[in-house]
């Protein structure tokens, strides 16, 4: 008489997969299986845990990218600029942040690439900036009142935000440099890209 498996029988899920009962099987290439086995051995996780984590990351990655890099149109700008600079560096054989010639070429390349998508019409100061400037002029000391109108100018506003970001990068350099020892990843717990940026653009600061 054929023996039937009792309901709920069989190997029980372990670790972070305890309590899950939905099974999934598929065929993969031998090369991919080797990579999965190697990661399982390196991390101490089961093959099932590795596969589910990577599948889940494929669905979560767009959300993490948006949280880290902003909405779609901002990410599109980042991708466009990355492609332009990668092509430029391929032509010069130099990195833009390590070679003065490539740096100047990159500045012009980025401006030209962005000009393709420039909105039509004359620039108009957004209401939110006008209101903010008025509050600054009302509450700031006499020697700082000009800061309000300064922030309503697009060139000045761009400089302010760039300098603010630069100061954030400077402050991100921890005295012990422990911040550079962890693997960079997009997650809710570690959504700051500052260590990644400083480590890759100014590696001498990460030593």
N, C-alpha and C. Protein backbone atom coordinates (compact mmCIF):
# COMPACT_ATOMS: atom_id res chain seq x y z
N UNK A 1 0.84 -1.19 0.00
CA UNK A 1 0.00 0.00 0.00
C UNK A 1 0.88 1.24 0.00
N UNK A 2 0.59 2.17 -0.91
CA UNK A 2 1.41 3.36 -1.01
C UNK A 2 1.23 4.25 0.22
N UNK A 3 2.35 4.68 0.74
CA UNK A 3 2.32 5.51 1.95
C UNK A 3 2.21 6.98 1.56
N UNK A 4 1.24 7.65 2.10
CA UNK A 4 1.02 9.05 1.79
C UNK A 4 1.61 9.94 2.88
N UNK A 5 2.13 11.08 2.44
CA UNK A 5 2.69 12.02 3.41
C UNK A 5 1.57 12.73 4.14
N UNK A 6 1.70 12.82 5.43
CA UNK A 6 0.69 13.50 6.23
C UNK A 6 0.68 14.98 5.92
N UNK A 7 -0.48 15.62 6.04
CA UNK A 7 -0.55 17.06 5.80
C UNK A 7 0.45 17.81 6.67
N UNK A 8 1.21 18.70 6.04
CA UNK A 8 2.20 19.45 6.78
C UNK A 8 3.49 18.70 6.99
N UNK A 9 3.59 17.51 6.40
CA UNK A 9 4.79 16.73 6.57
C UNK A 9 5.92 17.22 5.71
N UNK A 10 7.06 16.56 5.78
CA UNK A 10 8.22 16.95 4.99
C UNK A 10 9.16 17.86 5.76
N UNK A 11 10.20 18.30 5.08
CA UNK A 11 11.20 19.15 5.72
C UNK A 11 10.61 20.49 6.12
N UNK A 12 10.89 20.91 7.33
CA UNK A 12 10.35 22.15 7.85
C UNK A 12 11.28 23.32 7.51
N UNK A 13 10.72 24.46 7.09
CA UNK A 13 11.54 25.63 6.82
C UNK A 13 12.24 26.10 8.08
N UNK A 14 13.44 26.62 7.93
CA UNK A 14 14.21 27.08 9.08
C UNK A 14 14.57 28.55 8.92
N UNK A 15 15.14 29.10 10.00
CA UNK A 15 15.65 30.45 9.96
C UNK A 15 14.55 31.46 9.68
N UNK A 16 14.86 32.43 8.81
CA UNK A 16 13.90 33.49 8.53
C UNK A 16 12.73 33.00 7.71
N UNK A 17 12.74 31.73 7.33
CA UNK A 17 11.66 31.18 6.50
C UNK A 17 10.76 30.25 7.29
N UNK A 18 10.91 30.25 8.58
CA UNK A 18 10.06 29.43 9.43
C UNK A 18 8.62 29.89 9.31
N UNK A 19 7.71 28.92 9.13
CA UNK A 19 6.30 29.25 9.02
C UNK A 19 5.82 29.46 7.60
N UNK A 20 6.73 29.43 6.63
CA UNK A 20 6.34 29.60 5.23
C UNK A 20 6.12 28.24 4.60
N UNK A 21 5.06 28.10 3.83
CA UNK A 21 4.72 26.78 3.30
C UNK A 21 4.61 26.75 1.78
N UNK A 22 4.67 27.90 1.10
CA UNK A 22 4.54 27.93 -0.34
C UNK A 22 5.85 27.50 -1.00
N UNK A 23 5.77 26.46 -1.85
CA UNK A 23 6.97 25.92 -2.50
C UNK A 23 7.09 26.45 -3.92
N UNK A 24 8.34 26.56 -4.40
CA UNK A 24 8.60 27.06 -5.74
C UNK A 24 9.85 26.37 -6.27
N UNK A 25 9.77 25.84 -7.47
CA UNK A 25 10.93 25.17 -8.06
C UNK A 25 11.10 25.62 -9.49
N UNK A 26 12.34 25.69 -9.94
CA UNK A 26 12.63 26.12 -11.30
C UNK A 26 13.99 25.57 -11.70
N UNK A 27 14.28 25.60 -12.99
CA UNK A 27 15.56 25.16 -13.49
C UNK A 27 16.45 26.37 -13.76
N UNK A 28 17.71 26.26 -13.38
CA UNK A 28 18.66 27.34 -13.58
C UNK A 28 19.93 26.78 -14.21
N UNK A 29 20.78 27.66 -14.71
CA UNK A 29 22.02 27.22 -15.34
C UNK A 29 23.00 26.73 -14.27
N UNK A 30 23.90 25.82 -14.63
CA UNK A 30 24.91 25.36 -13.68
C UNK A 30 25.76 26.50 -13.13
N UNK A 31 26.05 27.50 -13.97
CA UNK A 31 26.88 28.62 -13.53
C UNK A 31 26.18 29.41 -12.42
N UNK A 32 24.86 29.64 -12.59
CA UNK A 32 24.12 30.36 -11.56
C UNK A 32 24.02 29.54 -10.28
N UNK A 33 23.88 28.23 -10.42
CA UNK A 33 23.80 27.37 -9.23
C UNK A 33 25.10 27.43 -8.44
N UNK A 34 26.23 27.47 -9.15
CA UNK A 34 27.52 27.57 -8.47
C UNK A 34 27.61 28.87 -7.67
N UNK A 35 27.15 29.98 -8.27
CA UNK A 35 27.19 31.28 -7.59
C UNK A 35 26.30 31.27 -6.35
N UNK A 36 25.12 30.66 -6.46
CA UNK A 36 24.21 30.58 -5.32
C UNK A 36 24.79 29.72 -4.21
N UNK A 37 25.39 28.59 -4.58
CA UNK A 37 26.01 27.72 -3.59
C UNK A 37 27.15 28.42 -2.88
N UNK A 38 27.94 29.16 -3.64
CA UNK A 38 29.07 29.88 -3.04
C UNK A 38 28.59 30.93 -2.05
N UNK A 39 27.52 31.65 -2.40
CA UNK A 39 26.99 32.65 -1.48
C UNK A 39 26.40 32.00 -0.24
N UNK A 40 25.72 30.88 -0.42
CA UNK A 40 25.16 30.16 0.73
C UNK A 40 26.26 29.72 1.68
N UNK A 41 27.36 29.22 1.13
CA UNK A 41 28.48 28.78 1.97
C UNK A 41 29.15 29.96 2.66
N UNK A 42 29.26 31.07 1.93
CA UNK A 42 29.93 32.24 2.49
C UNK A 42 29.11 32.90 3.59
N UNK A 43 27.78 32.94 3.45
CA UNK A 43 26.93 33.63 4.41
C UNK A 43 26.36 32.73 5.49
N UNK A 44 26.43 31.41 5.27
CA UNK A 44 25.85 30.49 6.25
C UNK A 44 24.35 30.36 6.12
N UNK A 45 23.76 30.94 5.08
CA UNK A 45 22.32 30.83 4.85
C UNK A 45 22.04 29.62 3.95
N UNK A 46 20.80 29.16 4.01
CA UNK A 46 20.41 28.05 3.15
C UNK A 46 20.23 28.56 1.72
N UNK A 47 20.24 27.63 0.77
CA UNK A 47 20.04 27.99 -0.62
C UNK A 47 18.67 28.65 -0.82
N UNK A 48 17.66 28.14 -0.12
CA UNK A 48 16.31 28.71 -0.22
C UNK A 48 16.29 30.15 0.27
N UNK A 49 17.02 30.43 1.36
CA UNK A 49 17.07 31.78 1.90
C UNK A 49 17.74 32.73 0.91
N UNK A 50 18.82 32.28 0.28
CA UNK A 50 19.53 33.11 -0.69
C UNK A 50 18.62 33.44 -1.86
N UNK A 51 17.93 32.41 -2.39
CA UNK A 51 17.08 32.61 -3.56
C UNK A 51 15.93 33.56 -3.23
N UNK A 52 15.26 33.37 -2.09
CA UNK A 52 14.13 34.24 -1.76
C UNK A 52 14.60 35.66 -1.52
N UNK A 53 15.73 35.84 -0.86
CA UNK A 53 16.22 37.19 -0.60
C UNK A 53 16.50 37.92 -1.91
N UNK A 54 17.13 37.22 -2.86
CA UNK A 54 17.46 37.86 -4.13
C UNK A 54 16.21 38.13 -4.96
N UNK A 55 15.22 37.24 -4.90
CA UNK A 55 13.97 37.51 -5.59
C UNK A 55 13.25 38.70 -4.98
N UNK A 56 13.25 38.77 -3.66
CA UNK A 56 12.58 39.88 -2.98
C UNK A 56 13.29 41.20 -3.31
N UNK A 57 14.63 41.18 -3.36
CA UNK A 57 15.38 42.39 -3.69
C UNK A 57 15.06 42.89 -5.09
N UNK A 58 14.78 41.97 -6.02
CA UNK A 58 14.46 42.39 -7.39
C UNK A 58 13.16 43.19 -7.43
N UNK A 59 12.24 42.93 -6.47
CA UNK A 59 11.00 43.69 -6.41
C UNK A 59 11.15 44.95 -5.55
N UNK A 60 12.00 44.87 -4.52
CA UNK A 60 12.17 46.00 -3.61
C UNK A 60 13.13 47.05 -4.14
N UNK A 61 14.02 46.67 -5.07
CA UNK A 61 15.05 47.59 -5.51
C UNK A 61 14.51 48.90 -6.07
N UNK A 62 13.47 48.89 -6.93
CA UNK A 62 12.96 50.17 -7.43
C UNK A 62 12.52 51.11 -6.30
N UNK A 63 11.88 50.57 -5.26
CA UNK A 63 11.46 51.40 -4.14
C UNK A 63 12.66 51.94 -3.39
N UNK A 64 13.68 51.11 -3.21
CA UNK A 64 14.87 51.56 -2.51
C UNK A 64 15.62 52.62 -3.31
N UNK A 65 15.67 52.43 -4.64
CA UNK A 65 16.33 53.41 -5.48
C UNK A 65 15.61 54.74 -5.42
N UNK A 66 14.27 54.71 -5.43
CA UNK A 66 13.51 55.94 -5.37
C UNK A 66 13.73 56.64 -4.03
N UNK A 67 13.80 55.87 -2.96
CA UNK A 67 14.02 56.46 -1.64
C UNK A 67 15.40 57.10 -1.56
N UNK A 68 16.38 56.46 -2.21
CA UNK A 68 17.76 56.95 -2.13
C UNK A 68 18.04 58.06 -3.14
N UNK A 69 17.50 57.95 -4.35
CA UNK A 69 17.86 58.87 -5.43
C UNK A 69 16.75 59.80 -5.87
N UNK A 70 15.55 59.65 -5.31
CA UNK A 70 14.49 60.58 -5.66
C UNK A 70 13.52 60.00 -6.68
N UNK A 71 12.58 60.83 -7.14
CA UNK A 71 11.55 60.38 -8.08
C UNK A 71 12.12 60.03 -9.44
N UNK A 72 11.26 59.52 -10.32
CA UNK A 72 11.69 58.98 -11.60
C UNK A 72 12.49 59.97 -12.44
N UNK A 73 12.02 61.23 -12.53
CA UNK A 73 12.70 62.18 -13.40
C UNK A 73 14.10 62.53 -12.88
N UNK A 74 14.30 62.43 -11.56
CA UNK A 74 15.63 62.69 -11.00
C UNK A 74 16.55 61.50 -11.28
N UNK A 75 16.01 60.30 -11.15
CA UNK A 75 16.82 59.11 -11.45
C UNK A 75 17.18 59.07 -12.92
N UNK A 76 16.24 59.50 -13.79
CA UNK A 76 16.54 59.53 -15.23
C UNK A 76 17.69 60.48 -15.52
N UNK A 77 17.73 61.60 -14.81
CA UNK A 77 18.85 62.54 -14.97
C UNK A 77 20.15 61.89 -14.53
N UNK A 78 20.12 61.18 -13.41
CA UNK A 78 21.34 60.52 -12.92
C UNK A 78 21.84 59.49 -13.92
N UNK A 79 20.92 58.71 -14.50
CA UNK A 79 21.32 57.70 -15.47
C UNK A 79 21.90 58.35 -16.73
N UNK A 80 21.26 59.45 -17.19
CA UNK A 80 21.74 60.12 -18.38
C UNK A 80 23.15 60.66 -18.17
N UNK A 81 23.37 61.33 -17.05
CA UNK A 81 24.68 61.90 -16.78
C UNK A 81 25.73 60.81 -16.61
N UNK A 82 25.34 59.69 -16.01
CA UNK A 82 26.28 58.59 -15.84
C UNK A 82 26.73 58.03 -17.19
N UNK A 83 25.78 57.90 -18.12
CA UNK A 83 26.13 57.39 -19.45
C UNK A 83 27.04 58.36 -20.19
N UNK A 84 26.74 59.66 -20.07
CA UNK A 84 27.57 60.66 -20.76
C UNK A 84 28.99 60.65 -20.22
N UNK A 85 29.14 60.62 -18.90
CA UNK A 85 30.47 60.66 -18.31
C UNK A 85 31.23 59.37 -18.59
N UNK A 86 30.54 58.23 -18.56
CA UNK A 86 31.20 56.96 -18.86
C UNK A 86 31.74 56.96 -20.28
N UNK A 87 30.96 57.51 -21.22
CA UNK A 87 31.41 57.60 -22.60
C UNK A 87 32.60 58.54 -22.73
N UNK A 88 32.55 59.65 -22.01
CA UNK A 88 33.64 60.62 -22.05
C UNK A 88 34.93 60.03 -21.48
N UNK A 89 34.83 59.35 -20.37
CA UNK A 89 36.02 58.74 -19.76
C UNK A 89 36.60 57.65 -20.65
N UNK A 90 35.74 56.96 -21.38
CA UNK A 90 36.22 55.95 -22.32
C UNK A 90 37.04 56.61 -23.43
N UNK A 91 36.65 57.83 -23.82
CA UNK A 91 37.37 58.55 -24.88
C UNK A 91 38.72 59.06 -24.41
N UNK A 92 38.78 59.56 -23.16
CA UNK A 92 40.03 60.14 -22.65
C UNK A 92 40.91 59.12 -21.95
N UNK A 93 40.30 58.03 -21.50
CA UNK A 93 41.06 57.05 -20.73
C UNK A 93 41.38 57.52 -19.33
N UNK A 94 40.69 58.57 -18.88
CA UNK A 94 40.94 59.16 -17.55
C UNK A 94 39.63 59.31 -16.79
N UNK A 95 39.74 59.39 -15.45
CA UNK A 95 38.57 59.66 -14.62
C UNK A 95 38.34 61.16 -14.52
N UNK A 96 37.08 61.58 -14.52
CA UNK A 96 36.76 63.01 -14.48
C UNK A 96 37.24 63.66 -13.20
N UNK A 97 37.29 62.90 -12.10
CA UNK A 97 37.72 63.47 -10.83
C UNK A 97 39.20 63.26 -10.55
N UNK A 98 39.94 62.80 -11.59
CA UNK A 98 41.38 62.57 -11.42
C UNK A 98 42.20 63.24 -12.53
N UNK A 99 41.53 63.82 -13.51
CA UNK A 99 42.23 64.41 -14.65
C UNK A 99 41.58 65.74 -15.00
N UNK A 100 42.38 66.82 -15.04
CA UNK A 100 41.84 68.17 -15.25
C UNK A 100 41.18 68.32 -16.61
N UNK A 101 41.76 67.72 -17.65
CA UNK A 101 41.18 67.81 -18.99
C UNK A 101 39.80 67.15 -19.01
N UNK A 102 39.72 65.93 -18.48
CA UNK A 102 38.46 65.20 -18.45
C UNK A 102 37.43 65.92 -17.60
N UNK A 103 37.87 66.55 -16.52
CA UNK A 103 36.97 67.29 -15.65
C UNK A 103 36.30 68.44 -16.41
N UNK A 104 37.09 69.23 -17.15
CA UNK A 104 36.54 70.34 -17.91
C UNK A 104 35.60 69.85 -19.02
N UNK A 105 35.99 68.75 -19.65
CA UNK A 105 35.13 68.17 -20.68
C UNK A 105 33.82 67.69 -20.06
N UNK A 106 33.89 67.12 -18.86
CA UNK A 106 32.69 66.63 -18.18
C UNK A 106 31.75 67.77 -17.83
N UNK A 107 32.31 68.89 -17.36
CA UNK A 107 31.46 70.05 -17.04
C UNK A 107 30.64 70.48 -18.26
N UNK A 108 31.30 70.57 -19.41
CA UNK A 108 30.59 70.98 -20.62
C UNK A 108 29.63 69.91 -21.10
N UNK A 109 29.99 68.65 -20.93
CA UNK A 109 29.13 67.55 -21.36
C UNK A 109 27.83 67.54 -20.56
N UNK A 110 27.93 67.73 -19.24
CA UNK A 110 26.75 67.70 -18.40
C UNK A 110 25.81 68.87 -18.72
N UNK A 111 26.39 70.04 -18.91
CA UNK A 111 25.57 71.22 -19.24
C UNK A 111 24.85 71.01 -20.58
N UNK A 112 25.58 70.50 -21.56
CA UNK A 112 24.99 70.27 -22.88
C UNK A 112 23.90 69.22 -22.83
N UNK A 113 24.14 68.15 -22.09
CA UNK A 113 23.14 67.08 -21.98
C UNK A 113 21.87 67.58 -21.31
N UNK A 114 22.00 68.40 -20.28
CA UNK A 114 20.82 68.92 -19.59
C UNK A 114 20.08 69.94 -20.44
N UNK A 115 20.81 70.71 -21.24
CA UNK A 115 20.17 71.73 -22.09
C UNK A 115 19.16 71.11 -23.05
N UNK A 116 19.35 69.85 -23.40
CA UNK A 116 18.43 69.18 -24.32
C UNK A 116 17.02 69.12 -23.75
N UNK A 117 16.92 69.13 -22.42
CA UNK A 117 15.62 68.97 -21.77
C UNK A 117 15.19 70.23 -21.03
N UNK A 118 15.80 71.36 -21.36
CA UNK A 118 15.47 72.62 -20.68
C UNK A 118 14.03 73.02 -20.97
N UNK A 119 13.26 73.38 -19.94
CA UNK A 119 11.87 73.83 -20.16
C UNK A 119 11.85 75.18 -20.86
N UNK A 120 10.78 75.42 -21.60
CA UNK A 120 10.65 76.68 -22.33
C UNK A 120 10.15 77.79 -21.41
N UNK A 121 10.41 79.02 -21.82
CA UNK A 121 9.93 80.17 -21.06
C UNK A 121 11.00 80.76 -20.17
N UNK A 122 10.73 81.95 -19.64
CA UNK A 122 11.65 82.64 -18.74
C UNK A 122 11.51 82.08 -17.33
N UNK A 123 12.62 82.07 -16.57
CA UNK A 123 12.55 81.56 -15.20
C UNK A 123 11.71 82.46 -14.30
N UNK A 124 10.85 81.85 -13.51
CA UNK A 124 10.00 82.56 -12.55
C UNK A 124 10.26 81.98 -11.17
N UNK A 125 10.56 82.83 -10.23
CA UNK A 125 10.85 82.37 -8.88
C UNK A 125 9.63 81.70 -8.26
N UNK A 126 9.74 80.44 -7.80
CA UNK A 126 8.60 79.75 -7.18
C UNK A 126 8.10 80.52 -5.95
N UNK A 127 6.80 80.47 -5.73
CA UNK A 127 6.18 81.19 -4.60
C UNK A 127 6.79 80.78 -3.27
N UNK A 128 7.12 79.50 -3.13
CA UNK A 128 7.65 79.03 -1.86
C UNK A 128 8.97 79.72 -1.54
N UNK A 129 9.78 80.02 -2.56
CA UNK A 129 11.05 80.71 -2.33
C UNK A 129 10.81 82.19 -2.01
N UNK A 130 9.83 82.78 -2.65
CA UNK A 130 9.50 84.18 -2.37
C UNK A 130 9.05 84.32 -0.91
N UNK A 131 8.20 83.41 -0.47
CA UNK A 131 7.71 83.45 0.92
C UNK A 131 8.84 83.22 1.90
N UNK A 132 9.75 82.32 1.56
CA UNK A 132 10.87 82.05 2.44
C UNK A 132 11.79 83.26 2.53
N UNK A 133 11.99 83.93 1.39
CA UNK A 133 12.83 85.13 1.38
C UNK A 133 12.23 86.23 2.23
N UNK A 134 10.91 86.37 2.18
CA UNK A 134 10.24 87.39 2.99
C UNK A 134 10.42 87.13 4.48
N UNK A 135 10.32 85.85 4.88
CA UNK A 135 10.50 85.51 6.30
C UNK A 135 11.93 85.80 6.75
N UNK A 136 12.88 85.50 5.87
CA UNK A 136 14.28 85.76 6.22
C UNK A 136 14.51 87.25 6.40
N UNK A 137 13.98 88.05 5.49
CA UNK A 137 14.17 89.49 5.56
C UNK A 137 13.48 90.09 6.79
N UNK A 138 12.39 89.48 7.22
CA UNK A 138 11.67 89.98 8.39
C UNK A 138 12.38 89.64 9.69
N UNK A 139 13.02 88.45 9.74
CA UNK A 139 13.56 87.95 11.00
C UNK A 139 15.08 87.99 11.10
N UNK A 140 15.76 88.11 9.97
CA UNK A 140 17.22 88.04 10.00
C UNK A 140 17.83 89.33 10.51
N UNK A 141 19.04 89.25 11.08
CA UNK A 141 19.75 90.47 11.48
C UNK A 141 20.01 91.34 10.25
N UNK A 142 20.26 92.61 10.44
CA UNK A 142 20.46 93.53 9.30
C UNK A 142 21.51 93.07 8.31
N UNK A 143 22.60 92.48 8.81
CA UNK A 143 23.67 92.09 7.90
C UNK A 143 23.37 90.80 7.14
N UNK A 144 22.25 90.11 7.46
CA UNK A 144 21.90 88.86 6.78
C UNK A 144 20.61 88.96 5.98
N UNK A 145 20.00 90.13 5.94
CA UNK A 145 18.72 90.27 5.25
C UNK A 145 18.85 90.03 3.75
N UNK A 146 20.02 90.30 3.18
CA UNK A 146 20.21 90.10 1.74
C UNK A 146 20.14 88.64 1.35
N UNK A 147 20.31 87.74 2.32
CA UNK A 147 20.28 86.30 2.02
C UNK A 147 18.92 85.90 1.45
N UNK A 148 17.85 86.57 1.86
CA UNK A 148 16.53 86.22 1.37
C UNK A 148 16.41 86.39 -0.13
N UNK A 149 16.75 87.58 -0.62
CA UNK A 149 16.67 87.83 -2.07
C UNK A 149 17.71 87.02 -2.82
N UNK A 150 18.83 86.72 -2.17
CA UNK A 150 19.88 85.92 -2.81
C UNK A 150 19.35 84.53 -3.15
N UNK A 151 18.52 83.96 -2.28
CA UNK A 151 17.99 82.62 -2.48
C UNK A 151 16.93 82.56 -3.57
N UNK A 152 16.43 83.69 -4.02
CA UNK A 152 15.43 83.68 -5.08
C UNK A 152 16.06 83.69 -6.47
N UNK A 153 17.37 83.75 -6.55
CA UNK A 153 18.08 83.71 -7.82
C UNK A 153 18.47 82.26 -8.13
N UNK A 154 18.15 81.74 -9.31
CA UNK A 154 18.42 80.33 -9.60
C UNK A 154 19.89 79.96 -9.50
N UNK A 155 20.79 80.82 -9.99
CA UNK A 155 22.21 80.51 -9.90
C UNK A 155 22.66 80.42 -8.44
N UNK A 156 22.23 81.38 -7.66
CA UNK A 156 22.61 81.40 -6.25
C UNK A 156 22.02 80.21 -5.50
N UNK A 157 20.76 79.88 -5.79
CA UNK A 157 20.12 78.75 -5.12
C UNK A 157 20.86 77.45 -5.44
N UNK A 158 21.27 77.29 -6.70
CA UNK A 158 22.03 76.10 -7.06
C UNK A 158 23.34 76.01 -6.31
N UNK A 159 24.03 77.14 -6.18
CA UNK A 159 25.30 77.16 -5.45
C UNK A 159 25.09 76.80 -3.98
N UNK A 160 24.01 77.35 -3.40
CA UNK A 160 23.73 77.07 -1.98
C UNK A 160 23.52 75.58 -1.75
N UNK A 161 22.73 74.95 -2.61
CA UNK A 161 22.46 73.52 -2.43
C UNK A 161 23.70 72.67 -2.69
N UNK A 162 24.51 73.08 -3.66
CA UNK A 162 25.74 72.34 -3.92
C UNK A 162 26.70 72.45 -2.75
N UNK A 163 26.83 73.65 -2.17
CA UNK A 163 27.72 73.83 -1.03
C UNK A 163 27.20 73.10 0.20
N UNK A 164 25.88 73.09 0.36
CA UNK A 164 25.30 72.34 1.49
C UNK A 164 25.62 70.86 1.37
N UNK A 165 25.49 70.31 0.16
CA UNK A 165 25.81 68.91 -0.05
C UNK A 165 27.29 68.65 0.18
N UNK A 166 28.13 69.58 -0.27
CA UNK A 166 29.58 69.42 -0.07
C UNK A 166 29.90 69.37 1.42
N UNK A 167 29.27 70.25 2.20
CA UNK A 167 29.51 70.26 3.64
C UNK A 167 29.05 68.96 4.28
N UNK A 168 27.95 68.39 3.78
CA UNK A 168 27.47 67.10 4.30
C UNK A 168 28.49 66.01 4.04
N UNK A 169 29.12 66.03 2.87
CA UNK A 169 30.13 65.02 2.55
C UNK A 169 31.34 65.16 3.46
N UNK A 170 31.73 66.40 3.73
CA UNK A 170 32.87 66.63 4.62
C UNK A 170 32.57 66.09 6.02
N UNK A 171 31.36 66.35 6.50
CA UNK A 171 31.00 65.89 7.84
C UNK A 171 30.84 64.38 7.90
N UNK A 172 30.63 63.73 6.75
CA UNK A 172 30.41 62.28 6.76
C UNK A 172 31.70 61.51 6.97
N UNK A 173 32.85 62.18 6.88
CA UNK A 173 34.13 61.50 7.07
C UNK A 173 34.35 61.32 8.56
N UNK A 174 34.12 60.12 9.03
CA UNK A 174 34.25 59.81 10.46
C UNK A 174 35.72 59.74 10.84
N UNK A 175 36.11 60.24 12.04
CA UNK A 175 37.52 60.22 12.44
C UNK A 175 38.15 58.84 12.39
N UNK A 176 37.36 57.80 12.72
CA UNK A 176 37.93 56.44 12.70
C UNK A 176 37.72 55.76 11.37
N UNK A 177 36.92 56.40 10.48
CA UNK A 177 36.64 55.88 9.15
C UNK A 177 35.87 54.55 9.18
N UNK A 178 35.23 54.26 10.33
CA UNK A 178 34.44 53.03 10.41
C UNK A 178 33.29 53.07 9.42
N UNK A 179 32.84 54.27 9.05
CA UNK A 179 31.69 54.40 8.18
C UNK A 179 31.97 53.81 6.80
N UNK A 180 33.25 53.66 6.45
CA UNK A 180 33.59 53.13 5.13
C UNK A 180 33.77 51.62 5.14
N UNK A 181 33.70 51.00 6.31
CA UNK A 181 33.99 49.58 6.39
C UNK A 181 32.79 48.72 6.05
N UNK A 182 31.59 49.30 6.06
CA UNK A 182 30.42 48.49 5.77
C UNK A 182 30.10 48.54 4.27
N UNK A 183 29.47 47.49 3.80
CA UNK A 183 29.10 47.42 2.39
C UNK A 183 27.98 48.40 2.12
N UNK A 184 28.12 49.19 1.02
CA UNK A 184 27.09 50.16 0.69
C UNK A 184 25.85 49.44 0.15
N UNK A 185 24.68 49.84 0.59
CA UNK A 185 23.47 49.20 0.13
C UNK A 185 22.31 50.19 0.25
N UNK A 186 21.28 49.97 -0.54
CA UNK A 186 20.09 50.78 -0.47
C UNK A 186 19.10 50.08 0.46
N UNK A 187 18.84 50.66 1.59
CA UNK A 187 17.89 50.05 2.50
C UNK A 187 17.29 51.12 3.38
N UNK A 188 16.20 50.76 4.07
CA UNK A 188 15.57 51.71 4.97
C UNK A 188 16.50 52.05 6.13
N UNK A 189 17.32 51.07 6.55
CA UNK A 189 18.21 51.29 7.67
C UNK A 189 19.43 52.11 7.28
N UNK A 190 19.87 52.02 6.03
CA UNK A 190 21.08 52.71 5.59
C UNK A 190 20.82 53.32 4.23
N UNK A 191 20.09 54.44 4.22
CA UNK A 191 19.69 55.04 2.95
C UNK A 191 20.62 56.18 2.54
N UNK A 192 21.63 56.48 3.37
CA UNK A 192 22.54 57.57 3.04
C UNK A 192 23.57 57.10 2.03
N UNK A 193 23.74 57.86 0.97
CA UNK A 193 24.73 57.55 -0.05
C UNK A 193 26.02 58.34 0.15
N UNK A 194 26.08 59.16 1.19
CA UNK A 194 27.26 60.00 1.38
C UNK A 194 28.55 59.19 1.51
N UNK A 195 28.58 58.13 2.32
CA UNK A 195 29.82 57.35 2.40
C UNK A 195 30.23 56.77 1.06
N UNK A 196 29.25 56.31 0.30
CA UNK A 196 29.53 55.75 -1.03
C UNK A 196 30.12 56.82 -1.95
N UNK A 197 29.55 58.01 -1.93
CA UNK A 197 30.01 59.10 -2.80
C UNK A 197 31.43 59.51 -2.43
N UNK A 198 31.67 59.76 -1.14
CA UNK A 198 33.00 60.20 -0.72
C UNK A 198 34.05 59.13 -0.98
N UNK A 199 33.68 57.88 -0.70
CA UNK A 199 34.63 56.78 -0.86
C UNK A 199 35.07 56.62 -2.30
N UNK A 200 34.17 56.88 -3.23
CA UNK A 200 34.48 56.64 -4.64
C UNK A 200 34.97 57.89 -5.38
N UNK A 201 34.60 59.08 -4.92
CA UNK A 201 35.05 60.29 -5.59
C UNK A 201 36.30 60.87 -4.95
N UNK A 202 36.45 60.68 -3.63
CA UNK A 202 37.67 61.13 -2.96
C UNK A 202 38.20 60.00 -2.10
N UNK A 203 38.74 58.94 -2.73
CA UNK A 203 39.16 57.77 -1.96
C UNK A 203 40.25 58.07 -0.94
N UNK A 204 41.02 59.15 -1.13
CA UNK A 204 42.06 59.49 -0.15
C UNK A 204 41.46 59.87 1.18
N UNK A 205 40.20 60.38 1.18
CA UNK A 205 39.53 60.73 2.43
C UNK A 205 39.02 59.51 3.17
N UNK A 206 38.94 58.38 2.47
CA UNK A 206 38.38 57.17 3.08
C UNK A 206 39.46 56.27 3.67
N UNK A 207 40.72 56.69 3.59
CA UNK A 207 41.80 55.85 4.11
C UNK A 207 41.90 55.98 5.61
